[in-house]
Amino acid sequence: MNTASDLFMMMNGDDDEHKCSMMEFVKRMVKDADEQKPLVGIVAKLVAKLVDANDKLPADREITVFHAQKAPAVNVVDYAERIAKYSSCSSCCFVVGIIYIDRFIEQQKAQNREFRMNSLNVHRLMLSSIMVAAKFLDDFYYSNEFWAKIGGVPNNELNTLELEFLFLTNFDLHVRREVYDMYRERLLEWHQQLVSNSYTGRHTTGVDGARGCLLEAMCRGSSHSDSMGMDLDRDSGKRDEMAVDA
């Protein structure tokens, strides 16, 4: 993944054929951003359905810092939409966020730890992964204190979550373009299959509860296998509803 300045330099290299004006570059960036926007909702739906499936399975025996004592009242889709609205992070951060979550889950499996993304841990896990992605990818991002207000957790807890998430992913934050494109394509295919099933009357979530990663969940459910103001206090009522410090 590259920043806007990196992409501009790449488009204006030695090859005259690929050079572009700043205006053309901005148009390309806006078009790319518009194409990425639907991915936020798709990621949220995928995570929500996997959580619903995992909630039907036996509870995790191992408790992590990401687990709440009880499931927060806000659902996954609303929580993801809130993060997208108030953080102003690029939509690709949600795709990279689930790539990071998959790496997190794979690390747990490698250490023979039982971990399922469920309603007790999904909010903190999403918040941490998307915030880390925004810091790694975006040219501009908010402070942890602001992210904590968005996510409904205390600032000191978010600092702990971020550090724990980084260690449990081995600080492996770089995502190759081909990996990102693969996840994006799988997301679009999974969502298209979900839409097709709704039109044909097939009642299926498109995912199965498992210790596996989100990429596996998408593949099982797709054809491959069958601007907010800076004053958040004005939104205090909504923020209380979104709070995840259970």
C-alpha atoms as a PDB file:
ATOM      1  CA  MET A   1       0.000   0.000   0.000  1.00  0.00           C
ATOM      2  CA  ASN A   2       1.203   3.505  -0.755  1.00  0.00           C
ATOM      3  CA  THR A   3       0.447   7.025   0.384  1.00  0.00           C
ATOM      4  CA  ALA A   4      -0.917   9.626  -2.003  1.00  0.00           C
ATOM      5  CA  SER A   5       2.519  11.228  -2.381  1.00  0.00           C
ATOM      6  CA  ASP A   6       4.084   7.840  -3.185  1.00  0.00           C
ATOM      7  CA  LEU A   7       1.494   7.173  -5.863  1.00  0.00           C
ATOM      8  CA  PHE A   8       2.020  10.581  -7.436  1.00  0.00           C
ATOM      9  CA  MET A   9       5.752   9.970  -7.660  1.00  0.00           C
ATOM     10  CA  MET A  10       5.146   6.543  -9.191  1.00  0.00           C
ATOM     11  CA  MET A  11       2.820   8.035 -11.803  1.00  0.00           C
ATOM     12  CA  ASN A  12       5.385  10.689 -12.701  1.00  0.00           C
ATOM     13  CA  GLY A  13       8.484   8.616 -13.188  1.00  0.00           C
ATOM     14  CA  ASP A  14      10.765   8.520 -16.193  1.00  0.00           C
ATOM     15  CA  ASP A  15       8.160   6.998 -18.486  1.00  0.00           C
ATOM     16  CA  ASP A  16       6.422   9.898 -20.289  1.00  0.00           C
ATOM     17  CA  GLU A  17       3.506   7.635 -21.177  1.00  0.00           C
ATOM     18  CA  HIS A  18       2.523   7.288 -17.504  1.00  0.00           C
ATOM     19  CA  LYS A  19       3.097  10.879 -16.440  1.00  0.00           C
ATOM     20  CA  CYS A  20       0.056  12.819 -15.346  1.00  0.00           C
ATOM     21  CA  SER A  21      -0.805  16.267 -14.163  1.00  0.00           C
ATOM     22  CA  MET A  22      -1.744  16.954 -10.545  1.00  0.00           C
ATOM     23  CA  MET A  23      -5.354  17.449 -11.638  1.00  0.00           C
ATOM     24  CA  GLU A  24      -5.417  14.059 -13.366  1.00  0.00           C
ATOM     25  CA  PHE A  25      -3.798  12.466 -10.343  1.00  0.00           C
ATOM     26  CA  VAL A  26      -6.400  13.945  -7.978  1.00  0.00           C
ATOM     27  CA  LYS A  27      -9.193  12.684 -10.249  1.00  0.00           C
ATOM     28  CA  ARG A  28      -7.704   9.190 -10.129  1.00  0.00           C
ATOM     29  CA  MET A  29      -7.394   9.332  -6.361  1.00  0.00           C
ATOM     30  CA  VAL A  30     -11.008  10.504  -5.951  1.00  0.00           C
ATOM     31  CA  LYS A  31     -12.223   7.765  -8.303  1.00  0.00           C
ATOM     32  CA  ASP A  32     -10.227   5.147  -6.404  1.00  0.00           C
ATOM     33  CA  ALA A  33     -11.581   6.403  -3.071  1.00  0.00           C
ATOM     34  CA  ASP A  34     -15.169   6.309  -4.354  1.00  0.00           C
ATOM     35  CA  GLU A  35     -14.689   2.733  -5.530  1.00  0.00           C
ATOM     36  CA  GLN A  36     -13.371   1.731  -2.101  1.00  0.00           C
ATOM     37  CA  LYS A  37     -16.261   3.211  -0.073  1.00  0.00           C
ATOM     38  CA  PRO A  38     -18.653   0.225  -0.416  1.00  0.00           C
ATOM     39  CA  LEU A  39     -15.989  -2.006   1.138  1.00  0.00           C
ATOM     40  CA  VAL A  40     -16.643  -0.531   4.585  1.00  0.00           C
ATOM     41  CA  GLY A  41     -20.184  -1.890   4.655  1.00  0.00           C
ATOM     42  CA  ILE A  42     -19.118  -5.214   3.154  1.00  0.00           C
ATOM     43  CA  VAL A  43     -16.371  -5.694   5.745  1.00  0.00           C
ATOM     44  CA  ALA A  44     -18.858  -4.854   8.511  1.00  0.00           C
ATOM     45  CA  LYS A  45     -21.396  -7.384   7.200  1.00  0.00           C
ATOM     46  CA  LEU A  46     -18.778 -10.115   6.921  1.00  0.00           C
ATOM     47  CA  VAL A  47     -17.492  -9.543  10.447  1.00  0.00           C
ATOM     48  CA  ALA A  48     -21.042  -9.358  11.825  1.00  0.00           C
ATOM     49  CA  LYS A  49     -22.042 -12.654  10.226  1.00  0.00           C
ATOM     50  CA  LEU A  50     -18.895 -14.411  11.404  1.00  0.00           C
ATOM     51  CA  VAL A  51     -19.526 -13.128  14.934  1.00  0.00           C
ATOM     52  CA  ASP A  52     -23.143 -14.335  14.809  1.00  0.00           C
ATOM     53  CA  ALA A  53     -21.934 -17.777  13.744  1.00  0.00           C
ATOM     54  CA  ASN A  54     -19.188 -17.908  16.378  1.00  0.00           C
ATOM     55  CA  ASP A  55     -21.570 -16.824  19.144  1.00  0.00           C
ATOM     56  CA  LYS A  56     -23.412 -20.120  18.627  1.00  0.00           C
ATOM     57  CA  LEU A  57     -20.239 -22.079  19.444  1.00  0.00           C
ATOM     58  CA  PRO A  58     -18.830 -22.826  22.910  1.00  0.00           C
ATOM     59  CA  ALA A  59     -17.225 -19.826  24.605  1.00  0.00           C
ATOM     60  CA  ASP A  60     -13.474 -19.280  24.409  1.00  0.00           C
ATOM     61  CA  ARG A  61     -11.547 -20.814  27.270  1.00  0.00           C
ATOM     62  CA  GLU A  62      -8.787 -18.217  26.979  1.00  0.00           C
ATOM     63  CA  ILE A  63      -9.630 -14.603  27.767  1.00  0.00           C
ATOM     64  CA  THR A  64      -7.617 -11.765  26.212  1.00  0.00           C
ATOM     65  CA  VAL A  65      -7.474  -8.003  26.770  1.00  0.00           C
ATOM     66  CA  PHE A  66      -9.882  -7.739  23.832  1.00  0.00           C
ATOM     67  CA  HIS A  67     -12.651  -9.603  25.663  1.00  0.00           C
ATOM     68  CA  ALA A  68     -15.414  -7.705  27.447  1.00  0.00           C
ATOM     69  CA  GLN A  69     -17.307  -9.142  30.394  1.00  0.00           C
ATOM     70  CA  LYS A  70     -20.526  -8.812  28.425  1.00  0.00           C
ATOM     71  CA  ALA A  71     -21.302  -8.023  24.802  1.00  0.00           C
ATOM     72  CA  PRO A  72     -21.623  -4.288  24.074  1.00  0.00           C
ATOM     73  CA  ALA A  73     -25.094  -3.072  23.087  1.00  0.00           C
ATOM     74  CA  VAL A  74     -23.990  -1.595  19.760  1.00  0.00           C
ATOM     75  CA  ASN A  75     -23.982  -4.046  16.850  1.00  0.00           C
ATOM     76  CA  VAL A  76     -20.961  -4.604  14.641  1.00  0.00           C
ATOM     77  CA  VAL A  77     -22.319  -2.826  11.550  1.00  0.00           C
ATOM     78  CA  ASP A  78     -23.256   0.339  13.470  1.00  0.00           C
ATOM     79  CA  TYR A  79     -19.897   0.292  15.229  1.00  0.00           C
ATOM     80  CA  ALA A  80     -18.003   0.017  11.941  1.00  0.00           C
ATOM     81  CA  GLU A  81     -20.057   2.835  10.429  1.00  0.00           C
ATOM     82  CA  ARG A  82     -19.269   5.019  13.427  1.00  0.00           C
ATOM     83  CA  ILE A  83     -15.545   4.362  13.060  1.00  0.00           C
ATOM     84  CA  ALA A  84     -15.705   5.183   9.339  1.00  0.00           C
ATOM     85  CA  LYS A  85     -17.718   8.370   9.909  1.00  0.00           C
ATOM     86  CA  TYR A  86     -15.772   9.893  12.758  1.00  0.00           C
ATOM     87  CA  SER A  87     -12.215   8.709  12.145  1.00  0.00           C
ATOM     88  CA  SER A  88     -12.162   9.960   8.531  1.00  0.00           C
ATOM     89  CA  CYS A  89      -9.801   7.108   7.736  1.00  0.00           C
ATOM     90  CA  SER A  90      -9.584   5.870   4.160  1.00  0.00           C
ATOM     91  CA  SER A  91     -11.920   3.004   3.296  1.00  0.00           C
ATOM     92  CA  CYS A  92      -8.993   0.729   2.477  1.00  0.00           C
ATOM     93  CA  CYS A  93      -8.127   0.757   6.194  1.00  0.00           C
ATOM     94  CA  PHE A  94     -11.099  -1.543   6.790  1.00  0.00           C
ATOM     95  CA  VAL A  95      -9.763  -4.090   4.291  1.00  0.00           C
ATOM     96  CA  VAL A  96      -6.255  -3.841   5.731  1.00  0.00           C
ATOM     97  CA  GLY A  97      -7.834  -4.077   9.176  1.00  0.00           C
ATOM     98  CA  ILE A  98      -9.261  -7.527   8.453  1.00  0.00           C
ATOM     99  CA  ILE A  99      -5.922  -8.582   6.949  1.00  0.00           C
ATOM    100  CA  TYR A 100      -4.350  -7.611  10.276  1.00  0.00           C
ATOM    101  CA  ILE A 101      -7.070  -9.511  12.169  1.00  0.00           C
ATOM    102  CA  ASP A 102      -6.335 -12.594  10.078  1.00  0.00           C
ATOM    103  CA  ARG A 103      -2.655 -12.287  10.966  1.00  0.00           C
ATOM    104  CA  PHE A 104      -3.663 -11.919  14.605  1.00  0.00           C
ATOM    105  CA  ILE A 105      -5.794 -15.086  14.437  1.00  0.00           C
ATOM    106  CA  GLU A 106      -3.072 -17.025  12.625  1.00  0.00           C
ATOM    107  CA  GLN A 107      -0.597 -16.095  15.357  1.00  0.00           C
ATOM    108  CA  GLN A 108      -3.037 -17.383  17.971  1.00  0.00           C
ATOM    109  CA  LYS A 109      -3.397 -20.665  16.092  1.00  0.00           C
ATOM    110  CA  ALA A 110       0.375 -20.985  15.704  1.00  0.00           C
ATOM    111  CA  GLN A 111       0.687 -20.756  19.491  1.00  0.00           C
ATOM    112  CA  ASN A 112      -2.135 -23.298  19.977  1.00  0.00           C
ATOM    113  CA  ARG A 113      -4.374 -20.699  21.560  1.00  0.00           C
ATOM    114  CA  GLU A 114      -8.105 -20.913  21.114  1.00  0.00           C
ATOM    115  CA  PHE A 115      -9.464 -17.663  19.749  1.00  0.00           C
ATOM    116  CA  ARG A 116     -12.720 -16.912  17.975  1.00  0.00           C
ATOM    117  CA  MET A 117     -13.911 -13.484  16.999  1.00  0.00           C
ATOM    118  CA  ASN A 118     -17.235 -13.141  18.812  1.00  0.00           C
ATOM    119  CA  SER A 119     -19.484 -10.494  20.329  1.00  0.00           C
ATOM    120  CA  LEU A 120     -17.226 -10.217  23.395  1.00  0.00           C
ATOM    121  CA  ASN A 121     -14.041  -9.266  21.551  1.00  0.00           C
ATOM    122  CA  VAL A 122     -15.021  -8.011  18.085  1.00  0.00           C
ATOM    123  CA  HIS A 123     -15.431  -4.323  18.971  1.00  0.00           C
ATOM    124  CA  ARG A 124     -12.013  -3.896  20.571  1.00  0.00           C
ATOM    125  CA  LEU A 125     -10.396  -5.998  17.869  1.00  0.00           C
ATOM    126  CA  MET A 126     -11.959  -3.954  15.055  1.00  0.00           C
ATOM    127  CA  LEU A 127     -11.116  -0.659  16.715  1.00  0.00           C
ATOM    128  CA  SER A 128      -7.484  -1.657  17.254  1.00  0.00           C
ATOM    129  CA  SER A 129      -6.923  -3.097  13.782  1.00  0.00           C
ATOM    130  CA  ILE A 130      -8.506  -0.190  11.902  1.00  0.00           C
ATOM    131  CA  MET A 131      -6.699   2.410  14.007  1.00  0.00           C
ATOM    132  CA  VAL A 132      -3.355   0.686  13.413  1.00  0.00           C
ATOM    133  CA  ALA A 133      -4.133   0.480   9.684  1.00  0.00           C
ATOM    134  CA  ALA A 134      -4.971   4.195   9.578  1.00  0.00           C
ATOM    135  CA  LYS A 135      -1.704   5.079  11.301  1.00  0.00           C
ATOM    136  CA  PHE A 136       0.266   2.909   8.902  1.00  0.00           C
ATOM    137  CA  LEU A 137      -1.518   3.902   5.677  1.00  0.00           C
ATOM    138  CA  ASP A 138      -3.025   7.363   5.935  1.00  0.00           C
ATOM    139  CA  ASP A 139      -1.134  10.641   5.634  1.00  0.00           C
ATOM    140  CA  PHE A 140      -3.355  12.093   8.375  1.00  0.00           C
ATOM    141  CA  TYR A 141      -4.824  10.362  11.404  1.00  0.00           C
ATOM    142  CA  TYR A 142      -6.214  11.305  14.812  1.00  0.00           C
ATOM    143  CA  SER A 143      -4.586  10.740  18.201  1.00  0.00           C
ATOM    144  CA  ASN A 144      -5.343   7.712  20.348  1.00  0.00           C
ATOM    145  CA  GLU A 145      -7.358   9.954  22.653  1.00  0.00           C
ATOM    146  CA  PHE A 146      -9.685  10.856  19.795  1.00  0.00           C
ATOM    147  CA  TRP A 147      -9.909   7.241  18.603  1.00  0.00           C
ATOM    148  CA  ALA A 148     -10.821   6.233  22.155  1.00  0.00           C
ATOM    149  CA  LYS A 149     -13.772   8.642  22.066  1.00  0.00           C
ATOM    150  CA  ILE A 150     -14.852   7.207  18.731  1.00  0.00           C
ATOM    151  CA  GLY A 151     -14.591   3.639  19.972  1.00  0.00           C
ATOM    152  CA  GLY A 152     -16.134   4.181  23.391  1.00  0.00           C
ATOM    153  CA  VAL A 153     -13.170   2.961  25.438  1.00  0.00           C
ATOM    154  CA  PRO A 154     -10.876   4.767  27.904  1.00  0.00           C
ATOM    155  CA  ASN A 155      -7.730   6.199  26.336  1.00  0.00           C
ATOM    156  CA  ASN A 156      -5.368   4.183  28.561  1.00  0.00           C
ATOM    157  CA  GLU A 157      -7.191   0.988  27.603  1.00  0.00           C
ATOM    158  CA  LEU A 158      -6.881   1.773  23.900  1.00  0.00           C
ATOM    159  CA  ASN A 159      -3.155   2.306  24.346  1.00  0.00           C
ATOM    160  CA  THR A 160      -2.934  -1.165  25.894  1.00  0.00           C
ATOM    161  CA  LEU A 161      -5.067  -2.697  23.131  1.00  0.00           C
ATOM    162  CA  GLU A 162      -2.902  -1.144  20.422  1.00  0.00           C
ATOM    163  CA  LEU A 163       0.327  -2.402  21.953  1.00  0.00           C
ATOM    164  CA  GLU A 164      -1.079  -5.880  22.551  1.00  0.00           C
ATOM    165  CA  PHE A 165      -2.399  -6.029  18.989  1.00  0.00           C
ATOM    166  CA  LEU A 166       0.972  -5.025  17.561  1.00  0.00           C
ATOM    167  CA  PHE A 167       2.817  -7.662  19.572  1.00  0.00           C
ATOM    168  CA  LEU A 168       0.268 -10.368  18.723  1.00  0.00           C
ATOM    169  CA  THR A 169       0.698  -9.639  15.017  1.00  0.00           C
ATOM    170  CA  ASN A 170       4.494  -9.491  15.355  1.00  0.00           C
ATOM    171  CA  PHE A 171       4.352  -5.869  14.156  1.00  0.00           C
ATOM    172  CA  ASP A 172       3.696  -7.301  10.681  1.00  0.00           C
ATOM    173  CA  LEU A 173       1.910  -4.296   9.172  1.00  0.00           C
ATOM    174  CA  HIS A 174       3.110  -4.151   5.573  1.00  0.00           C
ATOM    175  CA  VAL A 175       0.537  -5.424   3.077  1.00  0.00           C
ATOM    176  CA  ARG A 176       1.590  -6.169  -0.479  1.00  0.00           C
ATOM    177  CA  ARG A 177      -0.674  -4.816  -3.189  1.00  0.00           C
ATOM    178  CA  GLU A 178      -1.478  -8.286  -4.502  1.00  0.00           C
ATOM    179  CA  VAL A 179      -2.585  -9.393  -1.015  1.00  0.00           C
ATOM    180  CA  TYR A 180      -4.821  -6.353  -0.654  1.00  0.00           C
ATOM    181  CA  ASP A 181      -6.330  -6.932  -4.102  1.00  0.00           C
ATOM    182  CA  MET A 182      -7.000 -10.584  -3.260  1.00  0.00           C
ATOM    183  CA  TYR A 183      -8.882  -9.650  -0.094  1.00  0.00           C
ATOM    184  CA  ARG A 184     -10.819  -6.936  -1.915  1.00  0.00           C
ATOM    185  CA  GLU A 185     -11.834  -9.340  -4.671  1.00  0.00           C
ATOM    186  CA  ARG A 186     -12.873 -12.008  -2.145  1.00  0.00           C
ATOM    187  CA  LEU A 187     -14.945  -9.421  -0.268  1.00  0.00           C
ATOM    188  CA  LEU A 188     -16.745  -8.347  -3.430  1.00  0.00           C
ATOM    189  CA  GLU A 189     -17.345 -11.971  -4.469  1.00  0.00           C
ATOM    190  CA  TRP A 190     -18.633 -12.895  -1.019  1.00  0.00           C
ATOM    191  CA  HIS A 191     -21.001  -9.931  -0.974  1.00  0.00           C
ATOM    192  CA  GLN A 192     -22.245 -10.654  -4.485  1.00  0.00           C
ATOM    193  CA  GLN A 193     -22.973 -14.242  -3.453  1.00  0.00           C
ATOM    194  CA  LEU A 194     -24.819 -12.960  -0.399  1.00  0.00           C
ATOM    195  CA  VAL A 195     -26.927 -10.628  -2.546  1.00  0.00           C
ATOM    196  CA  SER A 196     -27.639 -13.401  -5.054  1.00  0.00           C
ATOM    197  CA  ASN A 197     -28.745 -15.730  -2.266  1.00  0.00           C
ATOM    198  CA  SER A 198     -31.171 -13.111  -0.951  1.00  0.00           C
ATOM    199  CA  TYR A 199     -32.727 -12.743  -4.395  1.00  0.00           C
ATOM    200  CA  THR A 200     -33.081 -16.494  -4.880  1.00  0.00           C
ATOM    201  CA  GLY A 201     -34.518 -17.027  -1.407  1.00  0.00           C
ATOM    202  CA  ARG A 202     -31.569 -19.035  -0.086  1.00  0.00           C
ATOM    203  CA  HIS A 203     -31.255 -18.323   3.639  1.00  0.00           C
ATOM    204  CA  THR A 204     -27.554 -18.530   4.357  1.00  0.00           C
ATOM    205  CA  THR A 205     -25.107 -16.328   6.209  1.00  0.00           C
ATOM    206  CA  GLY A 206     -22.261 -17.115   3.817  1.00  0.00           C
ATOM    207  CA  VAL A 207     -19.910 -17.948   6.697  1.00  0.00           C
ATOM    208  CA  ASP A 208     -19.421 -20.722   9.209  1.00  0.00           C
ATOM    209  CA  GLY A 209     -18.287 -20.240  12.793  1.00  0.00           C
ATOM    210  CA  ALA A 210     -14.697 -21.338  13.138  1.00  0.00           C
ATOM    211  CA  ARG A 211     -11.296 -20.558  14.580  1.00  0.00           C
ATOM    212  CA  GLY A 212     -10.241 -19.846  11.007  1.00  0.00           C
ATOM    213  CA  CYS A 213      -9.481 -16.427   9.562  1.00  0.00           C
ATOM    214  CA  LEU A 214     -11.823 -14.094   7.719  1.00  0.00           C
ATOM    215  CA  LEU A 215     -10.318 -14.999   4.349  1.00  0.00           C
ATOM    216  CA  GLU A 216     -11.255 -18.651   4.937  1.00  0.00           C
ATOM    217  CA  ALA A 217     -14.757 -17.585   5.948  1.00  0.00           C
ATOM    218  CA  MET A 218     -15.161 -15.622   2.723  1.00  0.00           C
ATOM    219  CA  CYS A 219     -13.888 -18.491   0.586  1.00  0.00           C
ATOM    220  CA  ARG A 220     -16.302 -20.929   2.242  1.00  0.00           C
ATOM    221  CA  GLY A 221     -19.177 -18.587   1.542  1.00  0.00           C
ATOM    222  CA  SER A 222     -18.271 -17.666  -2.039  1.00  0.00           C
ATOM    223  CA  SER A 223     -18.151 -19.432  -5.384  1.00  0.00           C
ATOM    224  CA  HIS A 224     -14.659 -20.711  -4.554  1.00  0.00           C
ATOM    225  CA  SER A 225     -16.174 -23.367  -2.332  1.00  0.00           C
ATOM    226  CA  ASP A 226     -19.697 -24.302  -3.706  1.00  0.00           C
ATOM    227  CA  SER A 227     -17.448  14.744   8.305  1.00  0.00           C
ATOM    228  CA  MET A 228     -17.864  14.889  11.807  1.00  0.00           C
ATOM    229  CA  GLY A 229     -17.136  18.030  13.852  1.00  0.00           C
ATOM    230  CA  MET A 230     -14.209  17.816  16.247  1.00  0.00           C
ATOM    231  CA  ASP A 231     -16.523  18.212  19.262  1.00  0.00           C
ATOM    232  CA  LEU A 232     -17.524  14.637  20.028  1.00  0.00           C
ATOM    233  CA  ASP A 233     -19.049  15.759  23.308  1.00  0.00           C
ATOM    234  CA  ARG A 234     -22.039  17.083  21.370  1.00  0.00           C
ATOM    235  CA  ASP A 235     -22.635  13.467  20.420  1.00  0.00           C
ATOM    236  CA  SER A 236     -22.374  12.249  24.008  1.00  0.00           C
ATOM    237  CA  GLY A 237     -25.717  10.463  23.944  1.00  0.00           C
ATOM    238  CA  LYS A 238     -24.743   8.490  20.879  1.00  0.00           C
ATOM    239  CA  ARG A 239     -21.300   7.885  22.363  1.00  0.00           C
ATOM    240  CA  ASP A 240     -22.788   6.356  25.508  1.00  0.00           C
ATOM    241  CA  GLU A 241     -24.780   4.036  23.314  1.00  0.00           C
ATOM    242  CA  MET A 242     -21.597   3.073  21.466  1.00  0.00           C
ATOM    243  CA  ALA A 243     -19.524   2.502  24.613  1.00  0.00           C
ATOM    244  CA  VAL A 244     -17.776  -0.869  24.697  1.00  0.00           C
ATOM    245  CA  ASP A 245     -16.143  -0.604  28.123  1.00  0.00           C
ATOM    246  CA  ALA A 246     -18.209  -3.426  29.546  1.00  0.00           C
END
